[in-house]
Amino acid sequence: MQGLEAEQVITDFLDLETNPEEFWQKMKTNLQAGKVRLVFVADKIPSELQRIVEFLNGQMDPAEVLALEVKQFVGEGLKTLVPKIIGLTAAAQEKKSSGSREAREWDELSFFQDFNTRNLLEESKVARKIFEWAKTRMSSANPWGRGVSYGTFYPKFNFKDITIPFFNVFSSGRIEISFGQIKKAPPFDGDEKRLEFLHRLNQVSGVSLASDSINRYPTIPLSVLKEDDTLNQFLGVFDWVIREIKSG
């Protein structure tokens, strides 16, 4: 889309559970794991290519190799495109589905258990304190993500017609600041106010976010917030955000 940054297009396209930072991280993870799909597209797929596609798709796992044949029929002023997928054989589908991983429904118990499984006990304590803070200020309606690899907690702030998450807490031991969502709420729809928000965060010991973070979703380790004074200062910044939105 000409004139728009790729990250903004992705942000507008994705739902609240996913953002550009997480999107690109998932892409990296999928590429490293070989979870890719190679598609050949043509108006006619030769029989030789069809055999190659079916063979590769049957042998490669979890990668997929498919062909899409799009025939065009024209007549009486009408044009019709008829697609046909090649390579999606029953044997290949059965082999790949047996090893597929489904999205997981997380909740409070499984989310904090995942910290313990990863031996992130210190980070779990910080996440628990953030969770307790959020319960008194944010909506508790379905704040859990559906990540395959790790759990996500993203409480939403509700005020009038505004419903946005301020941050995402991952059971991998990080917290993500949702500048890309907060920018939807006045007065933070202006760069100057988000820069002030960024400046306040950077005053927290151990936090150092780049200036272009005001349009992105930067993350910091939860371990940075392990001291109570540091965490209270960090959460105090979000108390200030809440006051600014309500007064604005």
C-alpha atoms as a PDB file:
ATOM      1  CA  MET A   1       0.000   0.000   0.000  1.00  0.00           C
ATOM      2  CA  GLN A   2       1.807   3.057  -1.288  1.00  0.00           C
ATOM      3  CA  GLY A   3       2.574   5.767   1.256  1.00  0.00           C
ATOM      4  CA  LEU A   4       2.021   3.576   4.307  1.00  0.00           C
ATOM      5  CA  GLU A   5       4.608   1.875   6.484  1.00  0.00           C
ATOM      6  CA  ALA A   6       4.468  -1.914   6.452  1.00  0.00           C
ATOM      7  CA  GLU A   7       4.238  -2.033  10.241  1.00  0.00           C
ATOM      8  CA  GLN A   8       1.182   0.230  10.263  1.00  0.00           C
ATOM      9  CA  VAL A   9      -0.561  -1.894   7.619  1.00  0.00           C
ATOM     10  CA  ILE A  10       0.109  -5.029   9.678  1.00  0.00           C
ATOM     11  CA  THR A  11      -1.124  -3.330  12.863  1.00  0.00           C
ATOM     12  CA  ASP A  12      -4.404  -2.371  11.178  1.00  0.00           C
ATOM     13  CA  PHE A  13      -4.799  -5.886   9.787  1.00  0.00           C
ATOM     14  CA  LEU A  14      -4.089  -7.862  12.965  1.00  0.00           C
ATOM     15  CA  ASP A  15      -6.469  -8.275  15.895  1.00  0.00           C
ATOM     16  CA  LEU A  16      -5.712  -7.152  19.449  1.00  0.00           C
ATOM     17  CA  GLU A  17      -4.079 -10.466  20.345  1.00  0.00           C
ATOM     18  CA  THR A  18      -1.335 -10.032  17.809  1.00  0.00           C
ATOM     19  CA  ASN A  19       0.897  -7.092  16.900  1.00  0.00           C
ATOM     20  CA  PRO A  20       3.758  -6.485  14.474  1.00  0.00           C
ATOM     21  CA  GLU A  21       6.525  -7.418  16.924  1.00  0.00           C
ATOM     22  CA  GLU A  22       4.827 -10.718  17.735  1.00  0.00           C
ATOM     23  CA  PHE A  23       3.942 -11.247  14.062  1.00  0.00           C
ATOM     24  CA  TRP A  24       7.564 -10.992  12.930  1.00  0.00           C
ATOM     25  CA  GLN A  25       8.735 -13.128  15.848  1.00  0.00           C
ATOM     26  CA  LYS A  26       6.266 -15.840  14.850  1.00  0.00           C
ATOM     27  CA  MET A  27       7.461 -15.577  11.256  1.00  0.00           C
ATOM     28  CA  LYS A  28      11.065 -16.045  12.405  1.00  0.00           C
ATOM     29  CA  THR A  29      10.065 -19.019  14.548  1.00  0.00           C
ATOM     30  CA  ASN A  30       8.124 -20.618  11.686  1.00  0.00           C
ATOM     31  CA  LEU A  31      11.004 -20.171   9.247  1.00  0.00           C
ATOM     32  CA  GLN A  32      13.486 -21.667  11.696  1.00  0.00           C
ATOM     33  CA  ALA A  33      11.138 -24.610  12.260  1.00  0.00           C
ATOM     34  CA  GLY A  34      10.583 -25.124   8.539  1.00  0.00           C
ATOM     35  CA  LYS A  35       6.885 -24.247   8.758  1.00  0.00           C
ATOM     36  CA  VAL A  36       6.595 -22.664   5.307  1.00  0.00           C
ATOM     37  CA  ARG A  37       4.300 -23.096   2.294  1.00  0.00           C
ATOM     38  CA  LEU A  38       5.664 -22.941  -1.255  1.00  0.00           C
ATOM     39  CA  VAL A  39       2.948 -22.358  -3.877  1.00  0.00           C
ATOM     40  CA  PHE A  40       3.294 -22.519  -7.672  1.00  0.00           C
ATOM     41  CA  VAL A  41       0.569 -20.518  -9.445  1.00  0.00           C
ATOM     42  CA  ALA A  42      -0.193 -20.780 -13.170  1.00  0.00           C
ATOM     43  CA  ASP A  43      -3.118 -21.014 -15.569  1.00  0.00           C
ATOM     44  CA  LYS A  44      -1.988 -24.561 -16.357  1.00  0.00           C
ATOM     45  CA  ILE A  45       0.113 -26.877 -14.186  1.00  0.00           C
ATOM     46  CA  PRO A  46       2.015 -29.405 -16.347  1.00  0.00           C
ATOM     47  CA  SER A  47       1.740 -33.057 -15.329  1.00  0.00           C
ATOM     48  CA  GLU A  48       5.496 -33.168 -14.656  1.00  0.00           C
ATOM     49  CA  LEU A  49       5.225 -30.307 -12.158  1.00  0.00           C
ATOM     50  CA  GLN A  50       2.156 -31.894 -10.587  1.00  0.00           C
ATOM     51  CA  ARG A  51       4.089 -35.102  -9.872  1.00  0.00           C
ATOM     52  CA  ILE A  52       6.978 -33.114  -8.380  1.00  0.00           C
ATOM     53  CA  VAL A  53       4.626 -31.073  -6.175  1.00  0.00           C
ATOM     54  CA  GLU A  54       2.768 -34.154  -4.923  1.00  0.00           C
ATOM     55  CA  PHE A  55       6.053 -35.957  -4.214  1.00  0.00           C
ATOM     56  CA  LEU A  56       7.603 -33.018  -2.328  1.00  0.00           C
ATOM     57  CA  ASN A  57       4.439 -32.309  -0.353  1.00  0.00           C
ATOM     58  CA  GLY A  58       4.292 -35.948   0.701  1.00  0.00           C
ATOM     59  CA  GLN A  59       7.920 -35.966   1.830  1.00  0.00           C
ATOM     60  CA  MET A  60       8.345 -32.553   3.440  1.00  0.00           C
ATOM     61  CA  ASP A  61       7.055 -31.984   6.951  1.00  0.00           C
ATOM     62  CA  PRO A  62       6.035 -29.507   8.308  1.00  0.00           C
ATOM     63  CA  ALA A  63       6.721 -27.551   5.084  1.00  0.00           C
ATOM     64  CA  GLU A  64       4.040 -27.656   2.376  1.00  0.00           C
ATOM     65  CA  VAL A  65       4.507 -27.569  -1.391  1.00  0.00           C
ATOM     66  CA  LEU A  66       1.372 -26.902  -3.422  1.00  0.00           C
ATOM     67  CA  ALA A  67       0.370 -25.796  -6.885  1.00  0.00           C
ATOM     68  CA  LEU A  68      -2.611 -23.597  -7.738  1.00  0.00           C
ATOM     69  CA  GLU A  69      -3.973 -23.936 -11.245  1.00  0.00           C
ATOM     70  CA  VAL A  70      -6.302 -21.078 -12.205  1.00  0.00           C
ATOM     71  CA  LYS A  71      -8.150 -21.744 -15.453  1.00  0.00           C
ATOM     72  CA  GLN A  72      -9.877 -18.879 -17.199  1.00  0.00           C
ATOM     73  CA  PHE A  73     -13.110 -19.295 -19.131  1.00  0.00           C
ATOM     74  CA  VAL A  74     -14.415 -16.449 -21.281  1.00  0.00           C
ATOM     75  CA  GLY A  75     -17.686 -16.296 -23.175  1.00  0.00           C
ATOM     76  CA  GLU A  76     -20.749 -14.153 -23.762  1.00  0.00           C
ATOM     77  CA  GLY A  77     -19.159 -11.166 -22.101  1.00  0.00           C
ATOM     78  CA  LEU A  78     -18.313 -13.075 -18.943  1.00  0.00           C
ATOM     79  CA  LYS A  79     -14.977 -14.195 -17.504  1.00  0.00           C
ATOM     80  CA  THR A  80     -14.763 -16.930 -14.900  1.00  0.00           C
ATOM     81  CA  LEU A  81     -11.696 -18.055 -12.959  1.00  0.00           C
ATOM     82  CA  VAL A  82     -11.734 -21.630 -11.666  1.00  0.00           C
ATOM     83  CA  PRO A  83      -8.988 -22.492  -9.152  1.00  0.00           C
ATOM     84  CA  LYS A  84      -7.720 -25.999  -8.458  1.00  0.00           C
ATOM     85  CA  ILE A  85      -5.286 -26.936  -5.702  1.00  0.00           C
ATOM     86  CA  ILE A  86      -2.737 -29.607  -6.585  1.00  0.00           C
ATOM     87  CA  GLY A  87      -0.571 -31.524  -4.144  1.00  0.00           C
ATOM     88  CA  LEU A  88      -2.994 -31.659  -1.222  1.00  0.00           C
ATOM     89  CA  THR A  89      -3.264 -35.432  -1.244  1.00  0.00           C
ATOM     90  CA  ALA A  90      -4.972 -37.363   1.544  1.00  0.00           C
ATOM     91  CA  ALA A  91      -1.695 -39.057   2.530  1.00  0.00           C
ATOM     92  CA  ALA A  92       0.128 -35.729   2.816  1.00  0.00           C
ATOM     93  CA  GLN A  93      -2.693 -34.160   4.841  1.00  0.00           C
ATOM     94  CA  GLU A  94      -2.754 -37.057   7.300  1.00  0.00           C
ATOM     95  CA  LYS A  95       1.012 -36.972   7.764  1.00  0.00           C
ATOM     96  CA  LYS A  96       1.133 -33.225   8.405  1.00  0.00           C
ATOM     97  CA  SER A  97      -1.930 -33.017  10.639  1.00  0.00           C
ATOM     98  CA  SER A  98      -0.527 -35.659  12.972  1.00  0.00           C
ATOM     99  CA  GLY A  99       2.303 -33.329  13.947  1.00  0.00           C
ATOM    100  CA  SER A 100       0.454 -30.003  13.900  1.00  0.00           C
ATOM    101  CA  ARG A 101       0.195 -27.842  16.999  1.00  0.00           C
ATOM    102  CA  GLU A 102      -3.058 -26.117  17.825  1.00  0.00           C
ATOM    103  CA  ALA A 103      -3.484 -22.748  19.477  1.00  0.00           C
ATOM    104  CA  ARG A 104      -3.834 -23.105  23.244  1.00  0.00           C
ATOM    105  CA  GLU A 105      -6.496 -21.612  25.480  1.00  0.00           C
ATOM    106  CA  TRP A 106      -4.588 -20.005  28.352  1.00  0.00           C
ATOM    107  CA  ASP A 107      -5.931 -19.009  31.755  1.00  0.00           C
ATOM    108  CA  GLU A 108      -4.528 -17.695  35.027  1.00  0.00           C
ATOM    109  CA  LEU A 109      -3.450 -21.118  36.305  1.00  0.00           C
ATOM    110  CA  SER A 110      -1.757 -22.351  33.126  1.00  0.00           C
ATOM    111  CA  PHE A 111      -0.176 -18.944  32.468  1.00  0.00           C
ATOM    112  CA  PHE A 112       1.692 -18.832  35.777  1.00  0.00           C
ATOM    113  CA  GLN A 113       2.474 -22.548  35.685  1.00  0.00           C
ATOM    114  CA  ASP A 114       4.271 -21.948  32.397  1.00  0.00           C
ATOM    115  CA  PHE A 115       6.662 -19.545  34.155  1.00  0.00           C
ATOM    116  CA  ASN A 116       7.519 -22.303  36.609  1.00  0.00           C
ATOM    117  CA  THR A 117       7.988 -24.811  33.801  1.00  0.00           C
ATOM    118  CA  ARG A 118      10.501 -22.442  32.223  1.00  0.00           C
ATOM    119  CA  ASN A 119      12.186 -21.906  35.625  1.00  0.00           C
ATOM    120  CA  LEU A 120      11.362 -18.183  35.487  1.00  0.00           C
ATOM    121  CA  LEU A 121      10.439 -17.858  39.137  1.00  0.00           C
ATOM    122  CA  GLU A 122      11.613 -14.263  39.513  1.00  0.00           C
ATOM    123  CA  GLU A 123       9.761 -13.192  36.378  1.00  0.00           C
ATOM    124  CA  SER A 124       6.649 -15.020  37.605  1.00  0.00           C
ATOM    125  CA  LYS A 125       6.583 -12.887  40.768  1.00  0.00           C
ATOM    126  CA  VAL A 126       6.760  -9.703  38.687  1.00  0.00           C
ATOM    127  CA  ALA A 127       4.015 -10.944  36.364  1.00  0.00           C
ATOM    128  CA  ARG A 128       1.817 -11.780  39.357  1.00  0.00           C
ATOM    129  CA  LYS A 129       2.175  -8.248  40.755  1.00  0.00           C
ATOM    130  CA  ILE A 130       1.332  -6.764  37.355  1.00  0.00           C
ATOM    131  CA  PHE A 131      -1.668  -9.087  37.171  1.00  0.00           C
ATOM    132  CA  GLU A 132      -2.918  -7.900  40.578  1.00  0.00           C
ATOM    133  CA  TRP A 133      -2.407  -4.245  39.573  1.00  0.00           C
ATOM    134  CA  ALA A 134      -4.350  -4.785  36.355  1.00  0.00           C
ATOM    135  CA  LYS A 135      -7.305  -6.432  38.133  1.00  0.00           C
ATOM    136  CA  THR A 136      -8.135  -3.153  39.867  1.00  0.00           C
ATOM    137  CA  ARG A 137      -7.731  -0.912  36.830  1.00  0.00           C
ATOM    138  CA  MET A 138      -8.328  -2.888  33.645  1.00  0.00           C
ATOM    139  CA  SER A 139     -11.034  -5.117  32.239  1.00  0.00           C
ATOM    140  CA  SER A 140     -10.795  -8.745  33.361  1.00  0.00           C
ATOM    141  CA  ALA A 141     -12.879  -9.977  30.402  1.00  0.00           C
ATOM    142  CA  ASN A 142     -10.846 -12.557  28.485  1.00  0.00           C
ATOM    143  CA  PRO A 143      -7.331 -11.114  29.002  1.00  0.00           C
ATOM    144  CA  TRP A 144      -5.634 -14.345  27.912  1.00  0.00           C
ATOM    145  CA  GLY A 145      -4.022 -15.028  24.552  1.00  0.00           C
ATOM    146  CA  ARG A 146      -3.992 -18.228  22.497  1.00  0.00           C
ATOM    147  CA  GLY A 147      -0.284 -18.584  21.814  1.00  0.00           C
ATOM    148  CA  VAL A 148       1.146 -21.965  20.861  1.00  0.00           C
ATOM    149  CA  SER A 149       4.620 -21.505  22.349  1.00  0.00           C
ATOM    150  CA  TYR A 150       3.886 -19.372  25.428  1.00  0.00           C
ATOM    151  CA  GLY A 151       1.055 -17.716  27.306  1.00  0.00           C
ATOM    152  CA  THR A 152       0.000 -14.095  26.968  1.00  0.00           C
ATOM    153  CA  PHE A 153      -1.804 -11.819  29.401  1.00  0.00           C
ATOM    154  CA  TYR A 154      -3.115  -8.591  27.882  1.00  0.00           C
ATOM    155  CA  PRO A 155      -5.655  -6.735  30.049  1.00  0.00           C
ATOM    156  CA  LYS A 156      -7.680  -4.101  28.224  1.00  0.00           C
ATOM    157  CA  PHE A 157      -8.421  -0.574  29.381  1.00  0.00           C
ATOM    158  CA  ASN A 158     -12.055   0.452  28.866  1.00  0.00           C
ATOM    159  CA  PHE A 159     -13.215   4.065  28.880  1.00  0.00           C
ATOM    160  CA  LYS A 160     -16.243   5.330  26.964  1.00  0.00           C
ATOM    161  CA  ASP A 161     -15.727   3.994  23.418  1.00  0.00           C
ATOM    162  CA  ILE A 162     -12.069   3.096  23.974  1.00  0.00           C
ATOM    163  CA  THR A 163     -10.986  -0.520  24.526  1.00  0.00           C
ATOM    164  CA  ILE A 164      -7.248  -1.071  24.199  1.00  0.00           C
ATOM    165  CA  PRO A 165      -4.494  -3.160  25.795  1.00  0.00           C
ATOM    166  CA  PHE A 166      -1.664  -1.144  27.364  1.00  0.00           C
ATOM    167  CA  PHE A 167       0.765  -4.037  27.407  1.00  0.00           C
ATOM    168  CA  ASN A 168       1.186  -7.775  26.837  1.00  0.00           C
ATOM    169  CA  VAL A 169       2.895  -9.975  29.433  1.00  0.00           C
ATOM    170  CA  PHE A 170       4.448 -13.153  28.006  1.00  0.00           C
ATOM    171  CA  SER A 171       5.219 -16.292  30.017  1.00  0.00           C
ATOM    172  CA  SER A 172       8.543 -16.284  28.186  1.00  0.00           C
ATOM    173  CA  GLY A 173       9.552 -13.589  30.700  1.00  0.00           C
ATOM    174  CA  ARG A 174       8.964 -10.335  28.820  1.00  0.00           C
ATOM    175  CA  ILE A 175       6.468  -7.475  28.786  1.00  0.00           C
ATOM    176  CA  GLU A 176       5.558  -5.661  25.595  1.00  0.00           C
ATOM    177  CA  ILE A 177       4.454  -2.007  25.609  1.00  0.00           C
ATOM    178  CA  SER A 178       1.560  -1.432  23.209  1.00  0.00           C
ATOM    179  CA  PHE A 179       2.373   2.024  21.850  1.00  0.00           C
ATOM    180  CA  GLY A 180       0.654   0.942  18.618  1.00  0.00           C
ATOM    181  CA  GLN A 181      -2.624   0.512  20.501  1.00  0.00           C
ATOM    182  CA  ILE A 182      -2.292   3.385  22.958  1.00  0.00           C
ATOM    183  CA  LYS A 183      -1.914   5.792  20.022  1.00  0.00           C
ATOM    184  CA  LYS A 184      -5.609   5.178  19.288  1.00  0.00           C
ATOM    185  CA  ALA A 185      -6.650   6.915  22.519  1.00  0.00           C
ATOM    186  CA  PRO A 186      -6.578  10.725  22.809  1.00  0.00           C
ATOM    187  CA  PRO A 187      -4.444  12.533  23.854  1.00  0.00           C
ATOM    188  CA  PHE A 188      -1.893   9.833  22.949  1.00  0.00           C
ATOM    189  CA  ASP A 189      -2.908   9.981  19.291  1.00  0.00           C
ATOM    190  CA  GLY A 190      -0.367  12.797  19.053  1.00  0.00           C
ATOM    191  CA  ASP A 191       3.369  12.061  18.827  1.00  0.00           C
ATOM    192  CA  GLU A 192       4.224  14.627  21.501  1.00  0.00           C
ATOM    193  CA  LYS A 193       2.136  12.908  24.166  1.00  0.00           C
ATOM    194  CA  ARG A 194       3.517   9.466  23.299  1.00  0.00           C
ATOM    195  CA  LEU A 195       7.041  10.876  23.493  1.00  0.00           C
ATOM    196  CA  GLU A 196       6.224  12.083  27.008  1.00  0.00           C
ATOM    197  CA  PHE A 197       4.960   8.577  27.796  1.00  0.00           C
ATOM    198  CA  LEU A 198       8.199   7.140  26.414  1.00  0.00           C
ATOM    199  CA  HIS A 199      10.276   9.584  28.454  1.00  0.00           C
ATOM    200  CA  ARG A 200       8.489   8.572  31.655  1.00  0.00           C
ATOM    201  CA  LEU A 201       9.116   4.893  30.928  1.00  0.00           C
ATOM    202  CA  ASN A 202      12.783   5.533  30.215  1.00  0.00           C
ATOM    203  CA  GLN A 203      13.140   7.134  33.632  1.00  0.00           C
ATOM    204  CA  VAL A 204      12.478   3.703  35.149  1.00  0.00           C
ATOM    205  CA  SER A 205      15.765   2.024  36.080  1.00  0.00           C
ATOM    206  CA  GLY A 206      16.792  -0.525  33.440  1.00  0.00           C
ATOM    207  CA  VAL A 207      14.349   0.705  30.785  1.00  0.00           C
ATOM    208  CA  SER A 208      15.828   2.256  27.656  1.00  0.00           C
ATOM    209  CA  LEU A 209      13.497   2.387  24.669  1.00  0.00           C
ATOM    210  CA  ALA A 210      14.373   3.949  21.315  1.00  0.00           C
ATOM    211  CA  SER A 211      12.548   7.099  20.196  1.00  0.00           C
ATOM    212  CA  ASP A 212      10.829   5.267  17.327  1.00  0.00           C
ATOM    213  CA  SER A 213       9.143   3.008  19.896  1.00  0.00           C
ATOM    214  CA  ILE A 214       6.192   5.414  20.053  1.00  0.00           C
ATOM    215  CA  ASN A 215       4.741   3.704  16.961  1.00  0.00           C
ATOM    216  CA  ARG A 216       5.830   0.183  17.797  1.00  0.00           C
ATOM    217  CA  TYR A 217       5.591  -2.621  20.353  1.00  0.00           C
ATOM    218  CA  PRO A 218       8.942  -2.744  22.190  1.00  0.00           C
ATOM    219  CA  THR A 219       9.595  -5.370  24.855  1.00  0.00           C
ATOM    220  CA  ILE A 220      11.623  -5.397  28.052  1.00  0.00           C
ATOM    221  CA  PRO A 221      12.557  -8.322  30.344  1.00  0.00           C
ATOM    222  CA  LEU A 222      10.342  -8.725  33.394  1.00  0.00           C
ATOM    223  CA  SER A 223      13.520  -9.239  35.408  1.00  0.00           C
ATOM    224  CA  VAL A 224      14.254  -5.516  34.986  1.00  0.00           C
ATOM    225  CA  LEU A 225      11.209  -4.851  37.204  1.00  0.00           C
ATOM    226  CA  LYS A 226      12.065  -7.308  39.987  1.00  0.00           C
ATOM    227  CA  GLU A 227      12.620  -4.581  42.614  1.00  0.00           C
ATOM    228  CA  ASP A 228       9.369  -3.302  44.121  1.00  0.00           C
ATOM    229  CA  ASP A 229      10.360   0.362  43.784  1.00  0.00           C
ATOM    230  CA  THR A 230      11.180  -0.122  40.113  1.00  0.00           C
ATOM    231  CA  LEU A 231       7.954  -1.976  39.396  1.00  0.00           C
ATOM    232  CA  ASN A 232       5.885   0.609  41.260  1.00  0.00           C
ATOM    233  CA  GLN A 233       7.490   3.392  39.231  1.00  0.00           C
ATOM    234  CA  PHE A 234       6.830   1.448  36.019  1.00  0.00           C
ATOM    235  CA  LEU A 235       3.160   0.821  36.861  1.00  0.00           C
ATOM    236  CA  GLY A 236       2.860   4.419  38.031  1.00  0.00           C
ATOM    237  CA  VAL A 237       3.508   5.499  34.455  1.00  0.00           C
ATOM    238  CA  PHE A 238       0.434   3.547  33.353  1.00  0.00           C
ATOM    239  CA  ASP A 239      -1.592   5.101  36.172  1.00  0.00           C
ATOM    240  CA  TRP A 240      -0.597   8.426  34.637  1.00  0.00           C
ATOM    241  CA  VAL A 241      -1.711   7.205  31.180  1.00  0.00           C
ATOM    242  CA  ILE A 242      -5.105   6.271  32.618  1.00  0.00           C
ATOM    243  CA  ARG A 243      -5.510   9.719  34.211  1.00  0.00           C
ATOM    244  CA  GLU A 244      -4.515  11.467  30.989  1.00  0.00           C
ATOM    245  CA  ILE A 245      -7.014   9.499  28.901  1.00  0.00           C
ATOM    246  CA  LYS A 246      -9.839  10.110  31.357  1.00  0.00           C
ATOM    247  CA  SER A 247      -9.101  13.815  31.666  1.00  0.00           C
ATOM    248  CA  GLY A 248      -8.660  14.177  27.910  1.00  0.00           C
END
